[in-house]
N, C-alpha and C. Protein backbone atom coordinates (compact mmCIF):
# COMPACT_ATOMS: atom_id res chain seq x y z
N UNK A 1 0.85 -1.20 0.00
CA UNK A 1 0.00 0.00 0.00
C UNK A 1 0.88 1.24 0.00
N UNK A 2 0.51 2.24 -0.78
CA UNK A 2 1.29 3.45 -0.88
C UNK A 2 1.08 4.31 0.35
N UNK A 3 2.18 4.77 0.94
CA UNK A 3 2.11 5.71 2.06
C UNK A 3 1.95 7.10 1.47
N UNK A 4 0.70 7.52 1.28
CA UNK A 4 0.45 8.77 0.56
C UNK A 4 0.99 9.98 1.29
N UNK A 5 0.79 10.13 2.63
CA UNK A 5 1.38 11.29 3.29
C UNK A 5 2.89 11.37 3.08
N UNK A 6 3.59 10.22 3.12
CA UNK A 6 5.03 10.23 2.88
C UNK A 6 5.34 10.68 1.46
N UNK A 7 4.56 10.17 0.49
CA UNK A 7 4.78 10.57 -0.90
C UNK A 7 4.54 12.06 -1.07
N UNK A 8 3.48 12.58 -0.42
CA UNK A 8 3.19 14.00 -0.52
C UNK A 8 4.32 14.83 0.07
N UNK A 9 4.85 14.40 1.22
CA UNK A 9 5.97 15.13 1.82
C UNK A 9 7.18 15.10 0.90
N UNK A 10 7.42 13.94 0.28
CA UNK A 10 8.55 13.82 -0.64
C UNK A 10 8.38 14.75 -1.84
N UNK A 11 7.15 14.83 -2.36
CA UNK A 11 6.90 15.71 -3.50
C UNK A 11 7.10 17.17 -3.11
N UNK A 12 6.65 17.56 -1.92
CA UNK A 12 6.84 18.93 -1.48
C UNK A 12 8.31 19.24 -1.24
N UNK A 13 9.06 18.23 -0.75
CA UNK A 13 10.50 18.41 -0.60
C UNK A 13 11.16 18.61 -1.95
N UNK A 14 10.72 17.79 -2.93
CA UNK A 14 11.25 17.93 -4.28
C UNK A 14 10.94 19.31 -4.84
N UNK A 15 9.71 19.76 -4.62
CA UNK A 15 9.33 21.10 -5.08
C UNK A 15 10.22 22.16 -4.43
N UNK A 16 10.46 22.03 -3.12
CA UNK A 16 11.32 22.99 -2.43
C UNK A 16 12.73 22.99 -2.98
N UNK A 17 13.22 21.79 -3.34
CA UNK A 17 14.56 21.70 -3.93
C UNK A 17 14.62 22.43 -5.26
N UNK A 18 13.59 22.21 -6.09
CA UNK A 18 13.55 22.91 -7.38
C UNK A 18 13.44 24.42 -7.18
N UNK A 19 12.64 24.84 -6.20
CA UNK A 19 12.47 26.27 -5.96
C UNK A 19 13.78 26.89 -5.50
N UNK A 20 14.52 26.16 -4.63
CA UNK A 20 15.81 26.67 -4.18
C UNK A 20 16.80 26.75 -5.34
N UNK A 21 16.75 25.74 -6.21
CA UNK A 21 17.61 25.75 -7.39
C UNK A 21 17.28 26.95 -8.27
N UNK A 22 15.99 27.23 -8.40
CA UNK A 22 15.58 28.34 -9.26
C UNK A 22 16.08 29.67 -8.72
N UNK A 23 16.16 29.78 -7.39
CA UNK A 23 16.58 31.04 -6.79
C UNK A 23 18.03 31.38 -7.10
N UNK A 24 18.86 30.36 -7.42
CA UNK A 24 20.28 30.61 -7.70
C UNK A 24 20.62 30.31 -9.15
N UNK A 25 19.59 30.10 -9.97
CA UNK A 25 19.83 29.67 -11.35
C UNK A 25 20.26 30.80 -12.27
N UNK A 26 20.48 32.03 -11.75
CA UNK A 26 20.89 33.12 -12.61
C UNK A 26 22.26 32.90 -13.21
N UNK A 27 23.04 31.97 -12.63
CA UNK A 27 24.38 31.74 -13.16
C UNK A 27 24.37 30.99 -14.48
N UNK A 28 23.19 30.51 -14.93
CA UNK A 28 23.11 29.87 -16.23
C UNK A 28 22.47 30.80 -17.26
N UNK A 29 22.25 32.05 -16.85
CA UNK A 29 21.68 33.01 -17.78
C UNK A 29 20.25 33.36 -17.40
N UNK A 30 19.80 34.51 -17.80
CA UNK A 30 18.46 34.97 -17.46
C UNK A 30 17.46 34.53 -18.52
N UNK A 31 16.35 33.96 -18.05
CA UNK A 31 15.28 33.52 -18.94
C UNK A 31 14.06 34.39 -18.68
N UNK A 32 13.41 34.80 -19.76
CA UNK A 32 12.25 35.66 -19.61
C UNK A 32 11.12 34.89 -18.96
N UNK A 33 10.70 35.33 -17.81
CA UNK A 33 9.62 34.67 -17.12
C UNK A 33 8.26 35.12 -17.63
N UNK A 34 7.22 34.65 -16.95
CA UNK A 34 5.88 35.08 -17.31
C UNK A 34 5.68 36.54 -16.91
N UNK A 35 4.85 37.23 -17.66
CA UNK A 35 4.58 38.64 -17.41
C UNK A 35 3.10 38.92 -17.55
N UNK A 36 2.69 40.06 -17.04
CA UNK A 36 1.29 40.47 -17.14
C UNK A 36 0.83 40.44 -18.59
N UNK A 37 -0.32 39.83 -18.83
CA UNK A 37 -0.85 39.71 -20.18
C UNK A 37 -0.54 38.39 -20.85
N UNK A 38 0.41 37.61 -20.31
CA UNK A 38 0.73 36.30 -20.88
C UNK A 38 -0.43 35.33 -20.66
N UNK A 39 -0.53 34.36 -21.56
CA UNK A 39 -1.48 33.25 -21.42
C UNK A 39 -0.70 31.95 -21.59
N UNK A 40 -0.84 31.03 -20.65
CA UNK A 40 -0.17 29.73 -20.72
C UNK A 40 -1.21 28.62 -20.78
N UNK A 41 -1.01 27.69 -21.71
CA UNK A 41 -1.88 26.53 -21.85
C UNK A 41 -1.07 25.29 -21.49
N UNK A 42 -1.57 24.50 -20.54
CA UNK A 42 -0.86 23.30 -20.09
C UNK A 42 -1.71 22.06 -20.38
N UNK A 43 -1.05 21.00 -20.81
CA UNK A 43 -1.70 19.70 -20.98
C UNK A 43 -0.91 18.68 -20.18
N UNK A 44 -1.60 17.91 -19.34
CA UNK A 44 -0.93 16.98 -18.43
C UNK A 44 -1.63 15.63 -18.40
N UNK A 45 -0.91 14.65 -17.93
CA UNK A 45 -1.49 13.38 -17.49
C UNK A 45 -1.32 13.35 -15.98
N UNK A 46 -2.44 13.18 -15.26
CA UNK A 46 -2.44 13.31 -13.81
C UNK A 46 -2.89 12.02 -13.14
N UNK A 47 -2.18 11.63 -12.11
CA UNK A 47 -2.54 10.48 -11.29
C UNK A 47 -3.31 10.97 -10.07
N UNK A 48 -4.52 10.43 -9.87
CA UNK A 48 -5.35 10.77 -8.72
C UNK A 48 -5.27 9.62 -7.71
N UNK A 49 -4.87 9.94 -6.48
CA UNK A 49 -4.68 8.90 -5.46
C UNK A 49 -5.58 9.19 -4.26
N UNK A 50 -6.72 8.47 -4.12
CA UNK A 50 -7.54 8.59 -2.91
C UNK A 50 -6.91 7.79 -1.77
N UNK A 51 -7.02 8.30 -0.55
CA UNK A 51 -6.53 7.56 0.62
C UNK A 51 -7.36 7.97 1.84
N UNK A 52 -7.15 7.26 2.95
CA UNK A 52 -7.97 7.49 4.15
C UNK A 52 -9.46 7.44 3.82
N UNK A 53 -9.86 6.43 3.07
CA UNK A 53 -11.26 6.31 2.67
C UNK A 53 -12.11 5.81 3.85
N UNK A 54 -13.16 6.55 4.15
CA UNK A 54 -14.09 6.19 5.22
C UNK A 54 -15.51 6.28 4.67
N UNK A 55 -16.35 5.32 5.05
CA UNK A 55 -17.70 5.33 4.49
C UNK A 55 -18.70 4.72 5.46
N UNK A 56 -19.96 5.14 5.29
CA UNK A 56 -21.10 4.57 6.02
C UNK A 56 -22.09 4.07 4.99
N UNK A 57 -22.40 2.78 5.05
CA UNK A 57 -23.31 2.17 4.08
C UNK A 57 -24.58 1.73 4.81
N UNK A 58 -25.70 2.36 4.48
CA UNK A 58 -26.98 2.02 5.12
C UNK A 58 -27.40 0.60 4.76
N UNK A 59 -28.08 -0.06 5.69
CA UNK A 59 -28.79 -1.33 5.48
C UNK A 59 -27.86 -2.54 5.33
N UNK A 60 -26.92 -2.52 4.38
CA UNK A 60 -26.15 -3.74 4.09
C UNK A 60 -24.74 -3.69 4.65
N UNK A 61 -24.32 -2.56 5.23
CA UNK A 61 -22.98 -2.46 5.80
C UNK A 61 -21.89 -2.45 4.75
N UNK A 62 -20.66 -2.60 5.21
CA UNK A 62 -19.52 -2.63 4.31
C UNK A 62 -18.85 -1.27 4.19
N UNK A 63 -17.98 -1.17 3.22
CA UNK A 63 -17.21 0.06 3.00
C UNK A 63 -17.00 0.26 1.51
N UNK A 64 -16.81 1.51 1.14
CA UNK A 64 -16.60 1.85 -0.26
C UNK A 64 -15.12 1.75 -0.60
N UNK A 65 -14.82 1.37 -1.82
CA UNK A 65 -13.42 1.30 -2.28
C UNK A 65 -13.33 2.00 -3.63
N UNK A 66 -12.52 3.07 -3.69
CA UNK A 66 -12.29 3.80 -4.93
C UNK A 66 -10.80 3.70 -5.26
N UNK A 67 -10.43 3.11 -6.39
CA UNK A 67 -9.01 2.93 -6.72
C UNK A 67 -8.39 4.21 -7.26
N UNK A 68 -7.05 4.26 -7.35
CA UNK A 68 -6.39 5.38 -8.03
C UNK A 68 -6.85 5.46 -9.49
N UNK A 69 -6.79 6.68 -10.03
CA UNK A 69 -7.26 6.92 -11.40
C UNK A 69 -6.25 7.77 -12.16
N UNK A 70 -6.36 7.74 -13.48
CA UNK A 70 -5.53 8.58 -14.34
C UNK A 70 -6.44 9.58 -15.06
N UNK A 71 -6.04 10.84 -15.03
CA UNK A 71 -6.86 11.92 -15.57
C UNK A 71 -6.06 12.75 -16.57
N UNK A 72 -6.46 12.79 -17.84
CA UNK A 72 -5.88 13.77 -18.76
C UNK A 72 -6.55 15.12 -18.51
N UNK A 73 -5.77 16.18 -18.35
CA UNK A 73 -6.38 17.48 -18.08
C UNK A 73 -5.67 18.60 -18.82
N UNK A 74 -6.37 19.69 -18.96
CA UNK A 74 -5.86 20.89 -19.63
C UNK A 74 -6.18 22.09 -18.75
N UNK A 75 -5.23 23.03 -18.64
CA UNK A 75 -5.54 24.27 -17.94
C UNK A 75 -5.07 25.47 -18.74
N UNK A 76 -5.69 26.60 -18.46
CA UNK A 76 -5.32 27.87 -19.07
C UNK A 76 -5.07 28.88 -17.96
N UNK A 77 -3.88 29.47 -17.95
CA UNK A 77 -3.52 30.49 -16.97
C UNK A 77 -3.45 31.85 -17.65
N UNK A 78 -4.16 32.82 -17.10
CA UNK A 78 -4.12 34.19 -17.59
C UNK A 78 -3.41 35.03 -16.53
N UNK A 79 -2.32 35.68 -16.93
CA UNK A 79 -1.52 36.45 -15.98
C UNK A 79 -2.08 37.86 -15.86
N UNK A 80 -2.70 38.13 -14.69
CA UNK A 80 -3.22 39.46 -14.41
C UNK A 80 -2.11 40.40 -13.96
N UNK A 81 -0.98 39.84 -13.51
CA UNK A 81 0.20 40.60 -13.11
C UNK A 81 1.41 39.70 -13.36
N UNK A 82 2.60 40.24 -13.18
CA UNK A 82 3.80 39.45 -13.46
C UNK A 82 3.87 38.19 -12.62
N UNK A 83 3.40 38.25 -11.37
CA UNK A 83 3.53 37.11 -10.46
C UNK A 83 2.21 36.41 -10.16
N UNK A 84 1.11 36.93 -10.67
CA UNK A 84 -0.19 36.37 -10.33
C UNK A 84 -0.94 35.95 -11.58
N UNK A 85 -1.55 34.77 -11.51
CA UNK A 85 -2.38 34.30 -12.61
C UNK A 85 -3.67 33.69 -12.07
N UNK A 86 -4.68 33.67 -12.92
CA UNK A 86 -5.93 32.96 -12.64
C UNK A 86 -5.97 31.76 -13.58
N UNK A 87 -6.16 30.58 -13.02
CA UNK A 87 -6.06 29.34 -13.80
C UNK A 87 -7.37 28.56 -13.76
N UNK A 88 -7.89 28.26 -14.94
CA UNK A 88 -9.03 27.36 -15.07
C UNK A 88 -8.55 26.02 -15.60
N UNK A 89 -9.04 24.95 -15.01
CA UNK A 89 -8.54 23.61 -15.34
C UNK A 89 -9.71 22.64 -15.47
N UNK A 90 -9.62 21.71 -16.42
CA UNK A 90 -10.69 20.73 -16.61
C UNK A 90 -10.09 19.42 -17.11
N UNK A 91 -10.78 18.33 -16.82
CA UNK A 91 -10.35 17.01 -17.28
C UNK A 91 -11.55 16.08 -17.35
N UNK A 92 -11.28 14.83 -17.66
CA UNK A 92 -12.34 13.83 -17.78
C UNK A 92 -11.81 12.52 -17.19
N UNK A 93 -12.57 11.94 -16.26
CA UNK A 93 -12.07 10.74 -15.58
C UNK A 93 -13.21 9.75 -15.35
N UNK A 94 -12.87 8.46 -15.47
CA UNK A 94 -13.81 7.38 -15.19
C UNK A 94 -13.45 6.76 -13.84
N UNK A 95 -14.45 6.61 -12.97
CA UNK A 95 -14.23 6.07 -11.64
C UNK A 95 -14.98 4.75 -11.49
N UNK A 96 -14.27 3.70 -11.04
CA UNK A 96 -14.89 2.42 -10.72
C UNK A 96 -15.14 2.35 -9.22
N UNK A 97 -16.35 1.96 -8.82
CA UNK A 97 -16.75 1.97 -7.42
C UNK A 97 -17.10 0.55 -6.99
N UNK A 98 -16.53 0.12 -5.85
CA UNK A 98 -16.78 -1.22 -5.31
C UNK A 98 -17.14 -1.12 -3.83
N UNK A 99 -18.13 -1.91 -3.41
CA UNK A 99 -18.44 -2.06 -2.00
C UNK A 99 -17.76 -3.32 -1.48
N UNK A 100 -17.01 -3.20 -0.38
CA UNK A 100 -16.31 -4.33 0.21
C UNK A 100 -16.98 -4.74 1.53
N UNK A 101 -16.96 -6.05 1.78
CA UNK A 101 -17.36 -6.60 3.08
C UNK A 101 -18.80 -6.25 3.48
N UNK A 102 -19.73 -6.26 2.52
CA UNK A 102 -21.13 -6.03 2.85
C UNK A 102 -21.78 -7.33 3.32
N UNK A 103 -23.05 -7.25 3.69
CA UNK A 103 -23.79 -8.46 4.08
C UNK A 103 -23.91 -9.44 2.92
N UNK A 104 -23.70 -8.98 1.70
CA UNK A 104 -23.76 -9.83 0.51
C UNK A 104 -22.38 -10.04 -0.11
N UNK A 105 -21.34 -9.76 0.67
CA UNK A 105 -19.98 -9.88 0.14
C UNK A 105 -19.56 -8.62 -0.59
N UNK A 106 -18.57 -8.75 -1.44
CA UNK A 106 -18.11 -7.61 -2.24
C UNK A 106 -19.09 -7.37 -3.39
N UNK A 107 -19.44 -6.12 -3.60
CA UNK A 107 -20.39 -5.75 -4.66
C UNK A 107 -19.75 -4.72 -5.57
N UNK A 108 -19.71 -5.04 -6.84
CA UNK A 108 -19.23 -4.08 -7.84
C UNK A 108 -20.37 -3.12 -8.16
N UNK A 109 -20.28 -1.90 -7.66
CA UNK A 109 -21.36 -0.92 -7.87
C UNK A 109 -21.45 -0.52 -9.33
N UNK A 110 -20.30 -0.24 -9.93
CA UNK A 110 -20.29 0.17 -11.33
C UNK A 110 -19.28 1.26 -11.57
N UNK A 111 -19.46 1.98 -12.65
CA UNK A 111 -18.54 3.05 -13.02
C UNK A 111 -19.32 4.32 -13.31
N UNK A 112 -18.63 5.44 -13.20
CA UNK A 112 -19.25 6.73 -13.48
C UNK A 112 -18.18 7.66 -14.06
N UNK A 113 -18.58 8.47 -15.00
CA UNK A 113 -17.70 9.49 -15.57
C UNK A 113 -17.92 10.81 -14.84
N UNK A 114 -16.85 11.59 -14.72
CA UNK A 114 -16.99 12.91 -14.12
C UNK A 114 -16.15 13.92 -14.88
N UNK A 115 -16.61 15.16 -14.83
CA UNK A 115 -15.91 16.29 -15.43
C UNK A 115 -15.55 17.26 -14.31
N UNK A 116 -14.34 17.15 -13.74
CA UNK A 116 -13.93 18.11 -12.72
C UNK A 116 -13.40 19.39 -13.36
N UNK A 117 -13.92 20.52 -12.89
CA UNK A 117 -13.50 21.83 -13.37
C UNK A 117 -13.04 22.64 -12.16
N UNK A 118 -11.86 23.24 -12.25
CA UNK A 118 -11.33 23.99 -11.11
C UNK A 118 -10.97 25.41 -11.52
N UNK A 119 -11.00 26.29 -10.54
CA UNK A 119 -10.56 27.67 -10.71
C UNK A 119 -9.65 28.00 -9.54
N UNK A 120 -8.46 28.54 -9.83
CA UNK A 120 -7.48 28.78 -8.79
C UNK A 120 -6.73 30.08 -9.05
N UNK A 121 -6.29 30.71 -7.97
CA UNK A 121 -5.35 31.82 -8.05
C UNK A 121 -3.95 31.26 -7.79
N UNK A 122 -2.98 31.64 -8.62
CA UNK A 122 -1.62 31.12 -8.49
C UNK A 122 -0.62 32.26 -8.36
N UNK A 123 0.34 32.04 -7.45
CA UNK A 123 1.46 32.98 -7.29
C UNK A 123 2.71 32.34 -7.85
N UNK A 124 3.38 33.03 -8.76
CA UNK A 124 4.58 32.52 -9.42
C UNK A 124 5.80 33.18 -8.80
N UNK A 125 6.66 32.35 -8.18
CA UNK A 125 7.81 32.88 -7.46
C UNK A 125 8.77 33.59 -8.42
N UNK A 126 9.36 34.71 -8.00
CA UNK A 126 10.30 35.43 -8.87
C UNK A 126 11.61 34.67 -9.02
N UNK A 127 11.96 34.30 -10.24
CA UNK A 127 13.20 33.59 -10.52
C UNK A 127 13.80 34.11 -11.82
N UNK A 128 15.08 33.82 -12.02
CA UNK A 128 15.77 34.21 -13.25
C UNK A 128 16.16 33.01 -14.11
N UNK A 129 16.04 31.81 -13.55
CA UNK A 129 16.47 30.63 -14.28
C UNK A 129 15.33 29.96 -15.03
N UNK A 130 15.57 28.72 -15.44
CA UNK A 130 14.58 27.96 -16.21
C UNK A 130 13.39 27.55 -15.36
N UNK A 131 13.62 27.28 -14.07
CA UNK A 131 12.55 26.82 -13.20
C UNK A 131 11.64 27.98 -12.81
N UNK A 132 10.35 27.79 -13.02
CA UNK A 132 9.35 28.80 -12.70
C UNK A 132 8.34 28.19 -11.73
N UNK A 133 8.66 28.14 -10.43
CA UNK A 133 7.76 27.50 -9.47
C UNK A 133 6.54 28.36 -9.14
N UNK A 134 5.47 27.69 -8.74
CA UNK A 134 4.25 28.40 -8.37
C UNK A 134 3.52 27.65 -7.26
N UNK A 135 2.69 28.39 -6.54
CA UNK A 135 1.78 27.82 -5.54
C UNK A 135 0.41 28.43 -5.79
N UNK A 136 -0.64 27.75 -5.33
CA UNK A 136 -1.97 28.28 -5.58
C UNK A 136 -3.03 27.64 -4.71
N UNK A 137 -4.22 28.19 -4.78
CA UNK A 137 -5.37 27.67 -4.05
C UNK A 137 -6.63 28.00 -4.83
N UNK A 138 -7.64 27.14 -4.67
CA UNK A 138 -8.88 27.37 -5.40
C UNK A 138 -9.94 26.36 -5.02
N UNK A 139 -10.84 26.09 -5.96
CA UNK A 139 -11.96 25.19 -5.70
C UNK A 139 -12.21 24.34 -6.94
N UNK A 140 -12.68 23.10 -6.71
CA UNK A 140 -13.01 22.16 -7.78
C UNK A 140 -14.50 21.83 -7.71
N UNK A 141 -15.17 21.87 -8.84
CA UNK A 141 -16.57 21.45 -8.95
C UNK A 141 -16.63 20.31 -9.96
N UNK A 142 -17.29 19.21 -9.59
CA UNK A 142 -17.36 18.02 -10.46
C UNK A 142 -18.79 17.74 -10.89
N UNK A 143 -18.96 17.44 -12.17
CA UNK A 143 -20.24 17.00 -12.71
C UNK A 143 -20.14 15.51 -13.06
N UNK A 144 -21.11 14.72 -12.60
CA UNK A 144 -21.09 13.27 -12.82
C UNK A 144 -22.13 12.90 -13.88
N UNK A 145 -21.77 11.93 -14.72
CA UNK A 145 -22.69 11.49 -15.77
C UNK A 145 -22.28 10.08 -16.20
N UNK A 146 -23.12 9.44 -16.98
CA UNK A 146 -22.80 8.12 -17.52
C UNK A 146 -22.67 7.03 -16.48
N UNK A 147 -23.50 7.10 -15.41
CA UNK A 147 -23.46 6.04 -14.41
C UNK A 147 -23.81 4.70 -15.04
N UNK A 148 -22.98 3.68 -14.79
CA UNK A 148 -23.20 2.36 -15.39
C UNK A 148 -23.16 1.30 -14.31
N UNK A 149 -24.33 0.81 -13.84
CA UNK A 149 -24.37 -0.24 -12.83
C UNK A 149 -23.69 -1.51 -13.34
N UNK A 150 -23.04 -2.25 -12.41
CA UNK A 150 -22.26 -3.41 -12.86
C UNK A 150 -22.64 -4.70 -12.15
N UNK A 151 -23.51 -4.66 -11.15
CA UNK A 151 -23.82 -5.85 -10.35
C UNK A 151 -25.32 -6.10 -10.33
N UNK A 152 -25.72 -7.35 -10.11
CA UNK A 152 -27.14 -7.70 -10.11
C UNK A 152 -27.90 -7.03 -8.96
N UNK A 153 -27.17 -6.59 -7.91
CA UNK A 153 -27.82 -5.89 -6.81
C UNK A 153 -28.02 -4.40 -7.11
N UNK A 154 -27.32 -3.90 -8.10
CA UNK A 154 -27.33 -2.47 -8.41
C UNK A 154 -28.02 -2.25 -9.75
N UNK A 155 -29.13 -1.54 -9.72
CA UNK A 155 -29.85 -1.26 -10.96
C UNK A 155 -29.65 0.18 -11.43
N UNK A 156 -29.39 1.06 -10.48
CA UNK A 156 -29.18 2.46 -10.81
C UNK A 156 -28.51 3.13 -9.61
N UNK A 157 -27.71 4.15 -9.85
CA UNK A 157 -27.12 4.89 -8.74
C UNK A 157 -26.78 6.30 -9.20
N UNK A 158 -26.64 7.18 -8.21
CA UNK A 158 -26.29 8.57 -8.48
C UNK A 158 -25.18 9.00 -7.52
N UNK A 159 -24.26 9.83 -8.02
CA UNK A 159 -23.13 10.32 -7.22
C UNK A 159 -23.21 11.84 -7.16
N UNK A 160 -22.99 12.39 -5.98
CA UNK A 160 -22.95 13.85 -5.84
C UNK A 160 -21.83 14.24 -4.88
N UNK A 161 -21.15 15.36 -5.19
CA UNK A 161 -20.06 15.87 -4.37
C UNK A 161 -20.16 17.39 -4.30
N UNK A 162 -20.12 17.98 -3.11
CA UNK A 162 -20.10 19.45 -3.01
C UNK A 162 -18.79 20.00 -3.57
N UNK A 163 -18.72 21.32 -3.80
CA UNK A 163 -17.46 21.93 -4.24
C UNK A 163 -16.31 21.59 -3.29
N UNK A 164 -15.13 21.37 -3.86
CA UNK A 164 -13.97 20.86 -3.12
C UNK A 164 -12.84 21.89 -3.10
N UNK A 165 -12.40 22.36 -1.92
CA UNK A 165 -11.24 23.25 -1.86
C UNK A 165 -9.97 22.49 -2.25
N UNK A 166 -8.98 23.23 -2.79
CA UNK A 166 -7.72 22.62 -3.17
C UNK A 166 -6.57 23.59 -2.92
N UNK A 167 -5.38 23.01 -2.67
CA UNK A 167 -4.14 23.77 -2.70
C UNK A 167 -3.21 23.05 -3.67
N UNK A 168 -2.27 23.79 -4.24
CA UNK A 168 -1.41 23.19 -5.25
C UNK A 168 -0.02 23.80 -5.20
N UNK A 169 0.95 23.05 -5.72
CA UNK A 169 2.32 23.54 -5.89
C UNK A 169 2.89 22.86 -7.13
N UNK A 170 3.71 23.58 -7.86
CA UNK A 170 4.27 23.00 -9.07
C UNK A 170 5.32 23.90 -9.68
N UNK A 171 5.74 23.56 -10.89
CA UNK A 171 6.70 24.41 -11.58
C UNK A 171 6.56 24.20 -13.08
N UNK A 172 6.95 25.22 -13.82
CA UNK A 172 7.15 25.13 -15.26
C UNK A 172 8.65 25.23 -15.51
N UNK A 173 9.19 24.32 -16.30
CA UNK A 173 10.62 24.33 -16.63
C UNK A 173 10.75 24.82 -18.07
N UNK A 174 11.39 25.96 -18.24
CA UNK A 174 11.43 26.62 -19.54
C UNK A 174 12.40 25.92 -20.49
N UNK A 175 11.88 25.49 -21.65
CA UNK A 175 12.69 24.86 -22.68
C UNK A 175 13.17 25.86 -23.72
N UNK A 176 12.29 26.80 -24.06
CA UNK A 176 12.65 27.93 -24.92
C UNK A 176 11.66 29.05 -24.60
N UNK A 177 11.58 30.06 -25.43
CA UNK A 177 10.72 31.19 -25.10
C UNK A 177 9.24 30.84 -25.12
N UNK A 178 8.90 29.73 -25.76
CA UNK A 178 7.49 29.36 -25.93
C UNK A 178 7.08 28.12 -25.15
N UNK A 179 7.95 27.12 -25.09
CA UNK A 179 7.58 25.81 -24.54
C UNK A 179 8.19 25.58 -23.17
N UNK A 180 7.41 24.88 -22.32
CA UNK A 180 7.83 24.54 -20.97
C UNK A 180 7.43 23.09 -20.68
N UNK A 181 8.24 22.39 -19.89
CA UNK A 181 7.78 21.17 -19.23
C UNK A 181 7.10 21.60 -17.94
N UNK A 182 6.07 20.87 -17.51
CA UNK A 182 5.32 21.32 -16.35
C UNK A 182 5.02 20.16 -15.40
N UNK A 183 5.00 20.46 -14.10
CA UNK A 183 4.71 19.48 -13.05
C UNK A 183 3.81 20.15 -12.02
N UNK A 184 2.86 19.38 -11.47
CA UNK A 184 1.95 19.95 -10.48
C UNK A 184 1.49 18.87 -9.50
N UNK A 185 1.44 19.22 -8.22
CA UNK A 185 0.88 18.35 -7.18
C UNK A 185 -0.23 19.12 -6.46
N UNK A 186 -1.32 18.41 -6.15
CA UNK A 186 -2.46 19.04 -5.47
C UNK A 186 -2.87 18.23 -4.25
N UNK A 187 -3.44 18.93 -3.31
CA UNK A 187 -4.13 18.30 -2.18
C UNK A 187 -5.58 18.77 -2.21
N UNK A 188 -6.51 17.82 -2.32
CA UNK A 188 -7.93 18.13 -2.38
C UNK A 188 -8.58 17.83 -1.03
N UNK A 189 -9.35 18.77 -0.53
CA UNK A 189 -10.06 18.60 0.74
C UNK A 189 -11.51 18.22 0.42
N UNK A 190 -11.69 16.96 0.05
CA UNK A 190 -12.97 16.49 -0.48
C UNK A 190 -14.04 16.41 0.60
N UNK A 191 -15.17 17.10 0.45
CA UNK A 191 -16.28 16.96 1.40
C UNK A 191 -16.91 15.57 1.28
N UNK A 192 -17.86 15.28 2.16
CA UNK A 192 -18.55 14.00 2.13
C UNK A 192 -19.30 13.82 0.81
N UNK A 193 -19.06 12.68 0.16
CA UNK A 193 -19.75 12.35 -1.08
C UNK A 193 -20.92 11.42 -0.78
N UNK A 194 -21.94 11.48 -1.62
CA UNK A 194 -23.13 10.65 -1.44
C UNK A 194 -23.39 9.82 -2.69
N UNK A 195 -23.61 8.51 -2.48
CA UNK A 195 -24.02 7.61 -3.56
C UNK A 195 -25.35 7.00 -3.17
N UNK A 196 -26.35 7.13 -4.03
CA UNK A 196 -27.69 6.64 -3.73
C UNK A 196 -28.11 5.57 -4.71
N UNK A 197 -28.70 4.47 -4.16
CA UNK A 197 -29.17 3.36 -5.00
C UNK A 197 -30.38 2.71 -4.36
N UNK A 198 -31.55 2.94 -4.90
CA UNK A 198 -32.78 2.25 -4.51
C UNK A 198 -32.95 2.15 -3.00
N UNK A 199 -32.86 3.27 -2.32
CA UNK A 199 -33.08 3.30 -0.89
C UNK A 199 -31.84 3.09 -0.05
N UNK A 200 -30.74 2.66 -0.64
CA UNK A 200 -29.47 2.50 0.07
C UNK A 200 -28.62 3.74 -0.18
N UNK A 201 -28.22 4.40 0.90
CA UNK A 201 -27.40 5.60 0.79
C UNK A 201 -26.00 5.32 1.34
N UNK A 202 -25.00 5.70 0.57
CA UNK A 202 -23.61 5.54 0.98
C UNK A 202 -23.02 6.94 1.15
N UNK A 203 -22.46 7.20 2.32
CA UNK A 203 -21.77 8.46 2.57
C UNK A 203 -20.29 8.17 2.72
N UNK A 204 -19.48 8.87 1.95
CA UNK A 204 -18.05 8.55 1.91
C UNK A 204 -17.22 9.82 2.07
N UNK A 205 -16.17 9.72 2.88
CA UNK A 205 -15.18 10.79 2.97
C UNK A 205 -13.82 10.20 2.64
N UNK A 206 -12.97 11.00 2.03
CA UNK A 206 -11.63 10.54 1.68
C UNK A 206 -10.71 11.74 1.51
N UNK A 207 -9.42 11.46 1.56
CA UNK A 207 -8.40 12.45 1.24
C UNK A 207 -7.86 12.13 -0.15
N UNK A 208 -7.45 13.15 -0.88
CA UNK A 208 -6.99 12.94 -2.25
C UNK A 208 -5.77 13.80 -2.53
N UNK A 209 -4.77 13.19 -3.16
CA UNK A 209 -3.66 13.95 -3.74
C UNK A 209 -3.60 13.62 -5.22
N UNK A 210 -3.13 14.57 -6.00
CA UNK A 210 -2.92 14.35 -7.43
C UNK A 210 -1.52 14.78 -7.80
N UNK A 211 -0.94 14.08 -8.75
CA UNK A 211 0.40 14.40 -9.26
C UNK A 211 0.33 14.32 -10.77
N UNK A 212 0.73 15.39 -11.46
CA UNK A 212 0.63 15.41 -12.91
C UNK A 212 1.85 16.04 -13.57
N UNK A 213 2.12 15.62 -14.79
CA UNK A 213 3.24 16.17 -15.56
C UNK A 213 2.83 16.27 -17.02
N UNK A 214 3.40 17.25 -17.73
CA UNK A 214 3.07 17.42 -19.13
C UNK A 214 3.86 18.56 -19.75
N UNK A 215 3.23 19.24 -20.69
CA UNK A 215 3.87 20.33 -21.43
C UNK A 215 3.00 21.58 -21.34
N UNK A 216 3.66 22.75 -21.46
CA UNK A 216 2.96 24.03 -21.44
C UNK A 216 3.41 24.88 -22.62
N UNK A 217 2.47 25.67 -23.12
CA UNK A 217 2.73 26.57 -24.25
C UNK A 217 2.37 27.99 -23.82
N UNK A 218 3.33 28.91 -23.99
CA UNK A 218 3.04 30.31 -23.72
C UNK A 218 2.62 31.00 -25.01
N UNK A 219 1.47 31.66 -24.98
CA UNK A 219 0.98 32.37 -26.15
C UNK A 219 1.48 33.81 -26.15
């Protein structure tokens, strides 16, 4: 089992190392950073890792199990100032849901698609080198659709999640004046989720971290 808090600490340590490197990177030459009026488009592949999953299942007992997922996502950052940007981000992910240890054994609930959309304010640390680190905070709203029941006990179900606060840290590594490699880690503070199926209500809470990497284009 992955020790997610340890992994998150390691990622933040890595981010700090890159940020420290960026602070002294002027000895390799000055690179033009982001400026007011710039627009950056990023495309990433992101790993979503749920952990500390807790759930209450009415009537039949058991617990919910949501596995790690892979999410392709795109974001657009608009720089309102040299160090500040507003970032909108969206992706598409399929989630498989399983009930474990119920009165009827393990039950495959099914799968559901979701469209998570986030809005965040980001602060870009002042640097002169290739590394352009940033930190940010915002909120994620998810729309669920395409619920597909998978077990003879499940005929239909619905998933709902309130808006989710998030914090993030990452960096863009400048390859030339236009292209960047990009990395981002997030911590999502997911509120209680509800899954409803024919009178059975499942309430689930979990912690989530995401780690993604890809490419960015400055317009």
